[in-house]
């Protein structure tokens, strides 16, 4: 079976391995506007769902770079039906900028016969109310490299030119084996495909533990795009993937190096304060009805451990390199009370 990122169509097919659909809308928003969409403050709306790990990446990057005033953000609710993510968190169930009830409407505005999954994150052109791109890996890289004119003072360099080859190499393995690996376990349609996926996932997690045992971050001595891509999977591991997706050799909290690394990032502005555990659990346990037909959402796990000391600062490094921490989230973008930790 196939499943796209942040998708509306994820199903288990008996006897089949999980295969992710990686065909995204390739249009880019660039400084020179070569695809017809130039960088322009106020023109685009980033549509996300806090529940989705792929969308959560864009929320983190936008916040770290200080792009809130240049790129507005629309928020879908944690659950959706087979048709589309919906703006059910907004008054009247409509996005206040786009006027849409469903993200699907933005896709159809540009591609009336669009047949692929309606996915988040997506960047929408506000004047035409039409989707520009849903290519989540490119969206964050373009935020980092094409939108520099609108970065806040002190914005970190999340994609340093001298480190890009290494970032891409590490990120590729993180994507294939970890970000996608948990889904490969959860949507396995046979015992054989599940066990193969399970072995691949934990082999990669062991590799990451070894890599991070002696260095604070994945590439270099500061946070980069690679860390953001790994974090959003780790943040969901104990709450969802360990049980719901059967990734249960160990909990994240039982993997000392990765648990300390994840807590270090979680306690860094822009990471934990963009993580909504309530919406995360609601999404996976309610939407994936073929895996969890009752729709019952677990009460646990205990999240207090995310705020305990991690001691990763002893490895050196500076979270933001030559930059500075981002300011507090804008009031209308704060994770709802009781949905985070503490």
C-alpha atoms as a PDB file:
ATOM      1  CA  UNK A   1       0.000   0.000   0.000  1.00  0.00           C
ATOM      2  CA  UNK A   2       1.026   3.602  -0.318  1.00  0.00           C
ATOM      3  CA  UNK A   3       0.641   6.592   1.954  1.00  0.00           C
ATOM      4  CA  UNK A   4       1.704  10.189   1.609  1.00  0.00           C
ATOM      5  CA  UNK A   5       2.983  12.543   4.306  1.00  0.00           C
ATOM      6  CA  UNK A   6       0.294  14.155   6.459  1.00  0.00           C
ATOM      7  CA  UNK A   7      -2.200  12.324   4.332  1.00  0.00           C
ATOM      8  CA  UNK A   8      -5.901  11.625   4.192  1.00  0.00           C
ATOM      9  CA  UNK A   9      -5.492   8.111   2.843  1.00  0.00           C
ATOM     10  CA  UNK A  10      -3.436   5.743   5.004  1.00  0.00           C
ATOM     11  CA  UNK A  11      -4.568   2.148   5.109  1.00  0.00           C
ATOM     12  CA  UNK A  12      -3.124  -1.254   5.872  1.00  0.00           C
ATOM     13  CA  UNK A  13      -3.220  -3.700   2.966  1.00  0.00           C
ATOM     14  CA  UNK A  14      -2.930  -7.314   4.065  1.00  0.00           C
ATOM     15  CA  UNK A  15       0.185  -8.993   2.739  1.00  0.00           C
ATOM     16  CA  UNK A  16       1.785  -5.767   1.542  1.00  0.00           C
ATOM     17  CA  UNK A  17       4.710  -3.681   2.631  1.00  0.00           C
ATOM     18  CA  UNK A  18       4.268   0.015   3.308  1.00  0.00           C
ATOM     19  CA  UNK A  19       5.430   2.261   0.449  1.00  0.00           C
ATOM     20  CA  UNK A  20       5.357   6.029   0.814  1.00  0.00           C
ATOM     21  CA  UNK A  21       4.164   8.153  -2.080  1.00  0.00           C
ATOM     22  CA  UNK A  22       6.912  10.753  -2.525  1.00  0.00           C
ATOM     23  CA  UNK A  23       5.505  12.623  -5.523  1.00  0.00           C
ATOM     24  CA  UNK A  24       4.874  16.152  -4.313  1.00  0.00           C
ATOM     25  CA  UNK A  25       3.959  19.406  -6.036  1.00  0.00           C
ATOM     26  CA  UNK A  26       7.427  20.505  -7.125  1.00  0.00           C
ATOM     27  CA  UNK A  27       6.718  24.235  -7.459  1.00  0.00           C
ATOM     28  CA  UNK A  28       9.067  26.373  -5.370  1.00  0.00           C
ATOM     29  CA  UNK A  29       8.823  29.847  -3.892  1.00  0.00           C
ATOM     30  CA  UNK A  30      12.178  31.452  -4.658  1.00  0.00           C
ATOM     31  CA  UNK A  31      13.880  34.796  -4.519  1.00  0.00           C
ATOM     32  CA  UNK A  32      13.942  35.033  -8.331  1.00  0.00           C
ATOM     33  CA  UNK A  33      10.403  33.699  -8.744  1.00  0.00           C
ATOM     34  CA  UNK A  34      11.456  31.296 -11.472  1.00  0.00           C
ATOM     35  CA  UNK A  35       8.424  29.033 -10.891  1.00  0.00           C
ATOM     36  CA  UNK A  36       6.059  31.992 -10.920  1.00  0.00           C
ATOM     37  CA  UNK A  37       5.986  32.424  -7.151  1.00  0.00           C
ATOM     38  CA  UNK A  38       8.524  34.964  -5.874  1.00  0.00           C
ATOM     39  CA  UNK A  39       9.397  35.424  -2.208  1.00  0.00           C
ATOM     40  CA  UNK A  40       7.054  38.134  -0.967  1.00  0.00           C
ATOM     41  CA  UNK A  41       6.091  38.929   2.613  1.00  0.00           C
ATOM     42  CA  UNK A  42       2.385  38.523   3.323  1.00  0.00           C
ATOM     43  CA  UNK A  43       1.598  36.683   0.106  1.00  0.00           C
ATOM     44  CA  UNK A  44       1.659  33.072   1.305  1.00  0.00           C
ATOM     45  CA  UNK A  45      -0.031  31.054   4.022  1.00  0.00           C
ATOM     46  CA  UNK A  46       1.568  27.969   5.523  1.00  0.00           C
ATOM     47  CA  UNK A  47      -1.157  25.429   6.286  1.00  0.00           C
ATOM     48  CA  UNK A  48      -0.231  22.898   8.942  1.00  0.00           C
ATOM     49  CA  UNK A  49      -1.566  20.520  11.575  1.00  0.00           C
ATOM     50  CA  UNK A  50       0.286  20.242  14.864  1.00  0.00           C
ATOM     51  CA  UNK A  51      -0.410  16.511  14.884  1.00  0.00           C
ATOM     52  CA  UNK A  52       1.589  15.842  11.729  1.00  0.00           C
ATOM     53  CA  UNK A  53       5.368  15.369  12.124  1.00  0.00           C
ATOM     54  CA  UNK A  54       6.072  16.625   8.597  1.00  0.00           C
ATOM     55  CA  UNK A  55       4.072  19.807   9.252  1.00  0.00           C
ATOM     56  CA  UNK A  56       5.573  20.224  12.732  1.00  0.00           C
ATOM     57  CA  UNK A  57       8.978  20.633  11.054  1.00  0.00           C
ATOM     58  CA  UNK A  58       7.777  23.678   9.147  1.00  0.00           C
ATOM     59  CA  UNK A  59       6.280  25.185  12.312  1.00  0.00           C
ATOM     60  CA  UNK A  60       9.640  24.830  14.081  1.00  0.00           C
ATOM     61  CA  UNK A  61      11.695  26.269  11.205  1.00  0.00           C
ATOM     62  CA  UNK A  62       9.316  29.207  10.700  1.00  0.00           C
ATOM     63  CA  UNK A  63       9.549  29.988  14.405  1.00  0.00           C
ATOM     64  CA  UNK A  64      13.342  29.637  14.694  1.00  0.00           C
ATOM     65  CA  UNK A  65      13.892  31.908  11.685  1.00  0.00           C
ATOM     66  CA  UNK A  66      11.319  34.476  12.785  1.00  0.00           C
ATOM     67  CA  UNK A  67       9.193  34.255   9.649  1.00  0.00           C
ATOM     68  CA  UNK A  68       5.873  34.680  11.461  1.00  0.00           C
ATOM     69  CA  UNK A  69       5.259  38.191  10.106  1.00  0.00           C
ATOM     70  CA  UNK A  70       6.281  37.256   6.560  1.00  0.00           C
ATOM     71  CA  UNK A  71       4.396  33.954   6.266  1.00  0.00           C
ATOM     72  CA  UNK A  72       1.063  33.543   8.030  1.00  0.00           C
ATOM     73  CA  UNK A  73      -0.007  30.144   9.344  1.00  0.00           C
ATOM     74  CA  UNK A  74      -3.322  28.321   9.092  1.00  0.00           C
ATOM     75  CA  UNK A  75      -4.011  25.481  11.486  1.00  0.00           C
ATOM     76  CA  UNK A  76      -6.008  22.363  10.664  1.00  0.00           C
ATOM     77  CA  UNK A  77      -7.442  20.187  13.400  1.00  0.00           C
ATOM     78  CA  UNK A  78      -5.872  16.865  14.398  1.00  0.00           C
ATOM     79  CA  UNK A  79      -8.396  14.608  12.656  1.00  0.00           C
ATOM     80  CA  UNK A  80      -9.753  14.456   9.132  1.00  0.00           C
ATOM     81  CA  UNK A  81     -11.951  12.319   6.928  1.00  0.00           C
ATOM     82  CA  UNK A  82     -11.072  10.581   3.681  1.00  0.00           C
ATOM     83  CA  UNK A  83     -11.417  13.796   1.692  1.00  0.00           C
ATOM     84  CA  UNK A  84      -9.251  16.347   3.420  1.00  0.00           C
ATOM     85  CA  UNK A  85      -7.769  18.048   6.431  1.00  0.00           C
ATOM     86  CA  UNK A  86     -10.270  20.597   7.760  1.00  0.00           C
ATOM     87  CA  UNK A  87     -10.105  23.960   9.522  1.00  0.00           C
ATOM     88  CA  UNK A  88     -12.340  22.819  12.359  1.00  0.00           C
ATOM     89  CA  UNK A  89     -10.310  24.700  14.989  1.00  0.00           C
ATOM     90  CA  UNK A  90     -11.306  28.069  13.508  1.00  0.00           C
ATOM     91  CA  UNK A  91     -14.578  29.909  14.272  1.00  0.00           C
ATOM     92  CA  UNK A  92     -17.225  28.661  11.893  1.00  0.00           C
ATOM     93  CA  UNK A  93     -14.890  25.915  10.718  1.00  0.00           C
ATOM     94  CA  UNK A  94     -13.271  28.154   8.093  1.00  0.00           C
ATOM     95  CA  UNK A  95      -9.732  29.414   7.738  1.00  0.00           C
ATOM     96  CA  UNK A  96      -9.997  33.162   8.455  1.00  0.00           C
ATOM     97  CA  UNK A  97      -7.623  34.132   5.623  1.00  0.00           C
ATOM     98  CA  UNK A  98      -8.460  31.661   2.871  1.00  0.00           C
ATOM     99  CA  UNK A  99     -12.130  31.254   3.722  1.00  0.00           C
ATOM    100  CA  UNK A 100     -11.933  27.510   3.154  1.00  0.00           C
ATOM    101  CA  UNK A 101     -13.464  24.715   5.228  1.00  0.00           C
ATOM    102  CA  UNK A 102     -11.127  22.124   3.712  1.00  0.00           C
ATOM    103  CA  UNK A 103      -7.520  22.267   2.574  1.00  0.00           C
ATOM    104  CA  UNK A 104      -8.734  20.262  -0.420  1.00  0.00           C
ATOM    105  CA  UNK A 105     -10.278  23.470  -1.790  1.00  0.00           C
ATOM    106  CA  UNK A 106      -6.834  25.071  -2.136  1.00  0.00           C
ATOM    107  CA  UNK A 107      -5.542  22.043  -4.054  1.00  0.00           C
ATOM    108  CA  UNK A 108      -8.566  22.031  -6.378  1.00  0.00           C
ATOM    109  CA  UNK A 109      -8.180  25.775  -6.967  1.00  0.00           C
ATOM    110  CA  UNK A 110      -4.948  25.037  -8.807  1.00  0.00           C
ATOM    111  CA  UNK A 111      -5.493  21.428  -9.907  1.00  0.00           C
ATOM    112  CA  UNK A 112      -9.249  20.773 -10.376  1.00  0.00           C
ATOM    113  CA  UNK A 113      -8.633  17.079 -11.020  1.00  0.00           C
ATOM    114  CA  UNK A 114      -6.013  16.587  -8.281  1.00  0.00           C
ATOM    115  CA  UNK A 115      -6.061  12.884  -7.382  1.00  0.00           C
ATOM    116  CA  UNK A 116      -3.263  12.505  -4.836  1.00  0.00           C
ATOM    117  CA  UNK A 117      -3.519  12.858  -1.071  1.00  0.00           C
ATOM    118  CA  UNK A 118      -4.458  16.251   0.354  1.00  0.00           C
ATOM    119  CA  UNK A 119      -1.443  16.751   2.577  1.00  0.00           C
ATOM    120  CA  UNK A 120       0.053  19.072   5.155  1.00  0.00           C
ATOM    121  CA  UNK A 121       2.200  21.050   5.234  1.00  0.00           C
ATOM    122  CA  UNK A 122       1.086  23.039   2.235  1.00  0.00           C
ATOM    123  CA  UNK A 123       1.908  26.587   1.188  1.00  0.00           C
ATOM    124  CA  UNK A 124      -1.023  28.462  -0.338  1.00  0.00           C
ATOM    125  CA  UNK A 125      -0.895  31.616  -2.478  1.00  0.00           C
ATOM    126  CA  UNK A 126      -3.303  33.984  -0.723  1.00  0.00           C
ATOM    127  CA  UNK A 127      -4.291  36.126  -3.766  1.00  0.00           C
ATOM    128  CA  UNK A 128      -5.407  33.088  -5.786  1.00  0.00           C
ATOM    129  CA  UNK A 129      -6.188  30.884  -2.738  1.00  0.00           C
ATOM    130  CA  UNK A 130      -4.446  28.077  -4.637  1.00  0.00           C
ATOM    131  CA  UNK A 131      -1.857  25.641  -3.341  1.00  0.00           C
ATOM    132  CA  UNK A 132       1.724  26.336  -4.388  1.00  0.00           C
ATOM    133  CA  UNK A 133       3.560  23.346  -2.941  1.00  0.00           C
ATOM    134  CA  UNK A 134       3.284  20.481  -0.479  1.00  0.00           C
ATOM    135  CA  UNK A 135       6.907  19.378  -0.920  1.00  0.00           C
ATOM    136  CA  UNK A 136       7.714  19.351   2.787  1.00  0.00           C
ATOM    137  CA  UNK A 137      11.516  18.778   2.601  1.00  0.00           C
ATOM    138  CA  UNK A 138      11.908  21.615   0.115  1.00  0.00           C
ATOM    139  CA  UNK A 139       9.595  23.969   2.019  1.00  0.00           C
ATOM    140  CA  UNK A 140      11.878  24.124   5.055  1.00  0.00           C
ATOM    141  CA  UNK A 141      15.082  24.347   3.014  1.00  0.00           C
ATOM    142  CA  UNK A 142      13.580  27.230   1.037  1.00  0.00           C
ATOM    143  CA  UNK A 143      12.543  28.949   4.271  1.00  0.00           C
ATOM    144  CA  UNK A 144      16.198  28.689   5.286  1.00  0.00           C
ATOM    145  CA  UNK A 145      17.810  29.753   2.012  1.00  0.00           C
ATOM    146  CA  UNK A 146      15.326  31.767  -0.088  1.00  0.00           C
ATOM    147  CA  UNK A 147      13.602  33.782   2.645  1.00  0.00           C
ATOM    148  CA  UNK A 148      16.751  35.184   4.289  1.00  0.00           C
ATOM    149  CA  UNK A 149      15.648  38.770   3.647  1.00  0.00           C
ATOM    150  CA  UNK A 150      12.831  38.218   6.128  1.00  0.00           C
ATOM    151  CA  UNK A 151      14.707  36.234   8.790  1.00  0.00           C
ATOM    152  CA  UNK A 152      14.703  37.802  12.244  1.00  0.00           C
ATOM    153  CA  UNK A 153      17.858  39.379  13.606  1.00  0.00           C
ATOM    154  CA  UNK A 154      19.833  36.565  15.208  1.00  0.00           C
ATOM    155  CA  UNK A 155      18.174  33.806  13.159  1.00  0.00           C
ATOM    156  CA  UNK A 156      20.284  30.642  13.202  1.00  0.00           C
ATOM    157  CA  UNK A 157      21.779  29.154  10.044  1.00  0.00           C
ATOM    158  CA  UNK A 158      19.906  25.858   9.925  1.00  0.00           C
ATOM    159  CA  UNK A 159      21.329  24.849   6.544  1.00  0.00           C
ATOM    160  CA  UNK A 160      24.945  26.069   6.551  1.00  0.00           C
ATOM    161  CA  UNK A 161      26.470  25.865   3.100  1.00  0.00           C
ATOM    162  CA  UNK A 162      29.664  24.162   4.265  1.00  0.00           C
ATOM    163  CA  UNK A 163      27.648  21.368   5.908  1.00  0.00           C
ATOM    164  CA  UNK A 164      24.902  20.784   3.359  1.00  0.00           C
ATOM    165  CA  UNK A 165      26.255  17.550   1.906  1.00  0.00           C
ATOM    166  CA  UNK A 166      26.541  16.028   5.375  1.00  0.00           C
ATOM    167  CA  UNK A 167      23.117  17.336   6.403  1.00  0.00           C
ATOM    168  CA  UNK A 168      21.568  15.750   3.316  1.00  0.00           C
ATOM    169  CA  UNK A 169      23.401  12.467   3.842  1.00  0.00           C
ATOM    170  CA  UNK A 170      22.299  12.181   7.475  1.00  0.00           C
ATOM    171  CA  UNK A 171      18.789  13.424   6.695  1.00  0.00           C
ATOM    172  CA  UNK A 172      18.367  10.821   3.972  1.00  0.00           C
ATOM    173  CA  UNK A 173      19.029   7.991   6.388  1.00  0.00           C
ATOM    174  CA  UNK A 174      16.858   9.602   9.054  1.00  0.00           C
ATOM    175  CA  UNK A 175      14.001   9.866   6.544  1.00  0.00           C
ATOM    176  CA  UNK A 176      14.183   6.406   5.039  1.00  0.00           C
ATOM    177  CA  UNK A 177      14.894   4.491   8.242  1.00  0.00           C
ATOM    178  CA  UNK A 178      13.307   6.545  11.063  1.00  0.00           C
ATOM    179  CA  UNK A 179      10.780   9.170   9.882  1.00  0.00           C
ATOM    180  CA  UNK A 180       9.390   6.698   7.372  1.00  0.00           C
ATOM    181  CA  UNK A 181      10.533   3.629   9.316  1.00  0.00           C
ATOM    182  CA  UNK A 182       7.926   3.987  12.042  1.00  0.00           C
ATOM    183  CA  UNK A 183       5.192   4.106   9.389  1.00  0.00           C
ATOM    184  CA  UNK A 184       6.692   1.077   7.692  1.00  0.00           C
ATOM    185  CA  UNK A 185       6.209  -0.793  10.970  1.00  0.00           C
ATOM    186  CA  UNK A 186       2.750   0.556  11.700  1.00  0.00           C
ATOM    187  CA  UNK A 187       1.271  -0.062   8.268  1.00  0.00           C
ATOM    188  CA  UNK A 188       2.945  -3.397   7.599  1.00  0.00           C
ATOM    189  CA  UNK A 189       0.460  -5.820   6.063  1.00  0.00           C
ATOM    190  CA  UNK A 190       2.274  -9.020   6.995  1.00  0.00           C
ATOM    191  CA  UNK A 191       4.380 -10.410   9.820  1.00  0.00           C
ATOM    192  CA  UNK A 192       7.383 -10.658   7.520  1.00  0.00           C
ATOM    193  CA  UNK A 193       7.195  -7.054   6.338  1.00  0.00           C
ATOM    194  CA  UNK A 194       6.667  -5.830   9.915  1.00  0.00           C
ATOM    195  CA  UNK A 195       9.688  -7.679  11.296  1.00  0.00           C
ATOM    196  CA  UNK A 196      11.864  -6.434   8.454  1.00  0.00           C
ATOM    197  CA  UNK A 197      10.718  -2.879   9.081  1.00  0.00           C
ATOM    198  CA  UNK A 198      11.220  -3.263  12.843  1.00  0.00           C
ATOM    199  CA  UNK A 199      14.814  -4.396  12.365  1.00  0.00           C
ATOM    200  CA  UNK A 200      15.559  -1.520   9.976  1.00  0.00           C
ATOM    201  CA  UNK A 201      14.127   1.050  12.375  1.00  0.00           C
ATOM    202  CA  UNK A 202      16.036  -0.053  15.440  1.00  0.00           C
ATOM    203  CA  UNK A 203      19.251  -0.560  13.485  1.00  0.00           C
ATOM    204  CA  UNK A 204      19.008   3.112  12.517  1.00  0.00           C
ATOM    205  CA  UNK A 205      18.149   4.213  16.046  1.00  0.00           C
ATOM    206  CA  UNK A 206      21.202   2.342  17.323  1.00  0.00           C
ATOM    207  CA  UNK A 207      23.315   4.117  14.693  1.00  0.00           C
ATOM    208  CA  UNK A 208      21.943   7.471  15.793  1.00  0.00           C
ATOM    209  CA  UNK A 209      22.655   6.650  19.429  1.00  0.00           C
ATOM    210  CA  UNK A 210      26.266   5.895  18.570  1.00  0.00           C
ATOM    211  CA  UNK A 211      26.593   9.079  16.510  1.00  0.00           C
ATOM    212  CA  UNK A 212      25.082  11.264  19.226  1.00  0.00           C
ATOM    213  CA  UNK A 213      26.937   9.708  22.136  1.00  0.00           C
ATOM    214  CA  UNK A 214      29.893  11.994  21.519  1.00  0.00           C
ATOM    215  CA  UNK A 215      28.345  15.039  19.854  1.00  0.00           C
ATOM    216  CA  UNK A 216      25.431  17.209  20.875  1.00  0.00           C
ATOM    217  CA  UNK A 217      23.818  17.581  17.453  1.00  0.00           C
ATOM    218  CA  UNK A 218      23.664  15.473  14.309  1.00  0.00           C
ATOM    219  CA  UNK A 219      25.850  17.705  12.131  1.00  0.00           C
ATOM    220  CA  UNK A 220      28.348  20.184  13.537  1.00  0.00           C
ATOM    221  CA  UNK A 221      28.039  21.952  16.874  1.00  0.00           C
ATOM    222  CA  UNK A 222      24.662  23.664  16.367  1.00  0.00           C
ATOM    223  CA  UNK A 223      21.097  22.726  15.469  1.00  0.00           C
ATOM    224  CA  UNK A 224      20.533  22.135  11.756  1.00  0.00           C
ATOM    225  CA  UNK A 225      17.755  20.960   9.465  1.00  0.00           C
ATOM    226  CA  UNK A 226      18.816  17.370  10.232  1.00  0.00           C
ATOM    227  CA  UNK A 227      18.004  17.709  13.948  1.00  0.00           C
ATOM    228  CA  UNK A 228      14.595  19.194  13.231  1.00  0.00           C
ATOM    229  CA  UNK A 229      13.758  16.301  10.914  1.00  0.00           C
ATOM    230  CA  UNK A 230      14.659  13.729  13.553  1.00  0.00           C
ATOM    231  CA  UNK A 231      13.071  15.538  16.492  1.00  0.00           C
ATOM    232  CA  UNK A 232       9.474  15.400  15.296  1.00  0.00           C
ATOM    233  CA  UNK A 233       9.606  11.595  15.061  1.00  0.00           C
ATOM    234  CA  UNK A 234      11.274  11.227  18.448  1.00  0.00           C
ATOM    235  CA  UNK A 235       8.687  13.517  20.039  1.00  0.00           C
ATOM    236  CA  UNK A 236       5.926  11.133  18.906  1.00  0.00           C
ATOM    237  CA  UNK A 237       7.739   7.912  19.700  1.00  0.00           C
ATOM    238  CA  UNK A 238       6.475   7.037  23.172  1.00  0.00           C
ATOM    239  CA  UNK A 239       3.102   8.743  22.761  1.00  0.00           C
ATOM    240  CA  UNK A 240       2.232   6.961  19.511  1.00  0.00           C
ATOM    241  CA  UNK A 241       4.809   4.887  17.659  1.00  0.00           C
ATOM    242  CA  UNK A 242       5.837   2.557  20.488  1.00  0.00           C
ATOM    243  CA  UNK A 243       2.310   1.207  20.938  1.00  0.00           C
ATOM    244  CA  UNK A 244       0.182   2.227  17.971  1.00  0.00           C
ATOM    245  CA  UNK A 245       2.840   1.376  15.368  1.00  0.00           C
ATOM    246  CA  UNK A 246       4.351  -1.557  17.315  1.00  0.00           C
ATOM    247  CA  UNK A 247       7.811   0.039  17.485  1.00  0.00           C
ATOM    248  CA  UNK A 248       8.266  -1.558  20.861  1.00  0.00           C
ATOM    249  CA  UNK A 249      11.770  -2.915  21.329  1.00  0.00           C
ATOM    250  CA  UNK A 250      12.231   0.013  23.687  1.00  0.00           C
ATOM    251  CA  UNK A 251      10.572   3.295  24.477  1.00  0.00           C
ATOM    252  CA  UNK A 252      12.487   6.436  23.640  1.00  0.00           C
ATOM    253  CA  UNK A 253      12.739   7.011  27.389  1.00  0.00           C
ATOM    254  CA  UNK A 254      14.629   3.698  27.611  1.00  0.00           C
ATOM    255  CA  UNK A 255      17.236   4.722  25.020  1.00  0.00           C
ATOM    256  CA  UNK A 256      19.583   6.898  27.124  1.00  0.00           C
ATOM    257  CA  UNK A 257      21.420   8.845  24.412  1.00  0.00           C
ATOM    258  CA  UNK A 258      18.418   9.531  22.176  1.00  0.00           C
ATOM    259  CA  UNK A 259      16.218  10.352  25.164  1.00  0.00           C
ATOM    260  CA  UNK A 260      18.725  12.923  26.435  1.00  0.00           C
ATOM    261  CA  UNK A 261      19.151  14.335  22.916  1.00  0.00           C
ATOM    262  CA  UNK A 262      15.388  14.617  22.425  1.00  0.00           C
ATOM    263  CA  UNK A 263      14.948  16.326  25.810  1.00  0.00           C
ATOM    264  CA  UNK A 264      17.733  18.765  24.956  1.00  0.00           C
ATOM    265  CA  UNK A 265      15.885  19.798  21.795  1.00  0.00           C
ATOM    266  CA  UNK A 266      12.478  19.747  23.472  1.00  0.00           C
ATOM    267  CA  UNK A 267      13.698  22.222  26.068  1.00  0.00           C
ATOM    268  CA  UNK A 268      15.078  24.506  23.338  1.00  0.00           C
ATOM    269  CA  UNK A 269      12.702  27.349  22.331  1.00  0.00           C
ATOM    270  CA  UNK A 270      10.853  26.443  19.157  1.00  0.00           C
ATOM    271  CA  UNK A 271      10.715  22.687  19.742  1.00  0.00           C
ATOM    272  CA  UNK A 272       8.775  21.667  22.836  1.00  0.00           C
ATOM    273  CA  UNK A 273       6.637  24.774  22.734  1.00  0.00           C
ATOM    274  CA  UNK A 274       5.360  23.813  19.277  1.00  0.00           C
ATOM    275  CA  UNK A 275       4.577  20.191  20.264  1.00  0.00           C
ATOM    276  CA  UNK A 276       0.929  19.353  21.004  1.00  0.00           C
ATOM    277  CA  UNK A 277       0.727  15.868  22.523  1.00  0.00           C
ATOM    278  CA  UNK A 278      -3.078  15.872  22.771  1.00  0.00           C
ATOM    279  CA  UNK A 279      -3.508  16.546  19.057  1.00  0.00           C
ATOM    280  CA  UNK A 280      -0.754  14.071  18.205  1.00  0.00           C
ATOM    281  CA  UNK A 281      -2.515  11.232  20.004  1.00  0.00           C
ATOM    282  CA  UNK A 282      -5.943  12.211  18.701  1.00  0.00           C
ATOM    283  CA  UNK A 283      -4.716  12.151  15.123  1.00  0.00           C
ATOM    284  CA  UNK A 284      -3.068   8.752  15.101  1.00  0.00           C
ATOM    285  CA  UNK A 285      -5.488   6.862  17.323  1.00  0.00           C
ATOM    286  CA  UNK A 286      -8.687   8.290  15.802  1.00  0.00           C
ATOM    287  CA  UNK A 287      -7.789   8.637  12.112  1.00  0.00           C
ATOM    288  CA  UNK A 288      -6.063   5.265  11.743  1.00  0.00           C
ATOM    289  CA  UNK A 289      -9.255   3.288  12.265  1.00  0.00           C
ATOM    290  CA  UNK A 290      -7.890   0.191  10.549  1.00  0.00           C
ATOM    291  CA  UNK A 291      -5.143  -0.022  13.194  1.00  0.00           C
ATOM    292  CA  UNK A 292      -7.262   1.220  16.126  1.00  0.00           C
ATOM    293  CA  UNK A 293     -10.903   0.524  15.199  1.00  0.00           C
ATOM    294  CA  UNK A 294     -12.320   1.591  18.564  1.00  0.00           C
ATOM    295  CA  UNK A 295     -10.907   5.104  18.258  1.00  0.00           C
ATOM    296  CA  UNK A 296      -9.962   5.031  21.927  1.00  0.00           C
ATOM    297  CA  UNK A 297      -7.146   7.502  22.651  1.00  0.00           C
ATOM    298  CA  UNK A 298      -4.680   6.441  25.367  1.00  0.00           C
ATOM    299  CA  UNK A 299      -4.434   8.584  28.494  1.00  0.00           C
ATOM    300  CA  UNK A 300      -0.684   8.068  28.907  1.00  0.00           C
ATOM    301  CA  UNK A 301       2.228   8.174  28.773  1.00  0.00           C
ATOM    302  CA  UNK A 302       3.505  10.405  31.564  1.00  0.00           C
ATOM    303  CA  UNK A 303       5.127  13.381  29.850  1.00  0.00           C
ATOM    304  CA  UNK A 304       6.860  14.960  32.831  1.00  0.00           C
ATOM    305  CA  UNK A 305      10.185  13.362  31.922  1.00  0.00           C
ATOM    306  CA  UNK A 306      10.532  15.711  28.949  1.00  0.00           C
ATOM    307  CA  UNK A 307      11.444  18.514  31.357  1.00  0.00           C
ATOM    308  CA  UNK A 308      14.107  16.651  33.343  1.00  0.00           C
ATOM    309  CA  UNK A 309      17.790  17.543  33.093  1.00  0.00           C
ATOM    310  CA  UNK A 310      19.560  16.101  30.073  1.00  0.00           C
ATOM    311  CA  UNK A 311      23.200  17.190  30.658  1.00  0.00           C
ATOM    312  CA  UNK A 312      23.833  17.343  26.898  1.00  0.00           C
ATOM    313  CA  UNK A 313      25.413  20.777  27.304  1.00  0.00           C
ATOM    314  CA  UNK A 314      28.463  18.928  28.643  1.00  0.00           C
ATOM    315  CA  UNK A 315      29.183  17.891  25.037  1.00  0.00           C
ATOM    316  CA  UNK A 316      29.633  21.538  24.079  1.00  0.00           C
ATOM    317  CA  UNK A 317      28.001  23.150  21.111  1.00  0.00           C
ATOM    318  CA  UNK A 318      25.649  26.092  20.929  1.00  0.00           C
ATOM    319  CA  UNK A 319      22.021  25.444  20.004  1.00  0.00           C
ATOM    320  CA  UNK A 320      21.725  28.466  17.696  1.00  0.00           C
ATOM    321  CA  UNK A 321      25.362  28.773  16.644  1.00  0.00           C
ATOM    322  CA  UNK A 322      26.115  32.473  16.179  1.00  0.00           C
ATOM    323  CA  UNK A 323      22.403  33.248  16.428  1.00  0.00           C
ATOM    324  CA  UNK A 324      20.002  33.738  19.310  1.00  0.00           C
ATOM    325  CA  UNK A 325      16.909  31.966  20.651  1.00  0.00           C
ATOM    326  CA  UNK A 326      13.591  32.951  19.081  1.00  0.00           C
ATOM    327  CA  UNK A 327      11.173  35.091  21.075  1.00  0.00           C
ATOM    328  CA  UNK A 328       8.117  33.558  22.703  1.00  0.00           C
ATOM    329  CA  UNK A 329       5.421  32.269  20.329  1.00  0.00           C
ATOM    330  CA  UNK A 330       2.848  34.749  19.123  1.00  0.00           C
ATOM    331  CA  UNK A 331      -0.219  34.620  21.404  1.00  0.00           C
ATOM    332  CA  UNK A 332      -2.447  33.038  18.767  1.00  0.00           C
ATOM    333  CA  UNK A 333       0.141  30.349  18.044  1.00  0.00           C
ATOM    334  CA  UNK A 334       0.710  29.079  21.588  1.00  0.00           C
ATOM    335  CA  UNK A 335       0.015  25.369  22.127  1.00  0.00           C
ATOM    336  CA  UNK A 336      -3.254  25.152  24.086  1.00  0.00           C
ATOM    337  CA  UNK A 337      -2.955  24.790  27.847  1.00  0.00           C
ATOM    338  CA  UNK A 338      -2.812  21.160  28.891  1.00  0.00           C
ATOM    339  CA  UNK A 339      -1.701  19.982  25.432  1.00  0.00           C
ATOM    340  CA  UNK A 340       2.031  20.247  26.097  1.00  0.00           C
ATOM    341  CA  UNK A 341       4.205  19.479  29.098  1.00  0.00           C
ATOM    342  CA  UNK A 342       4.085  21.350  32.368  1.00  0.00           C
END
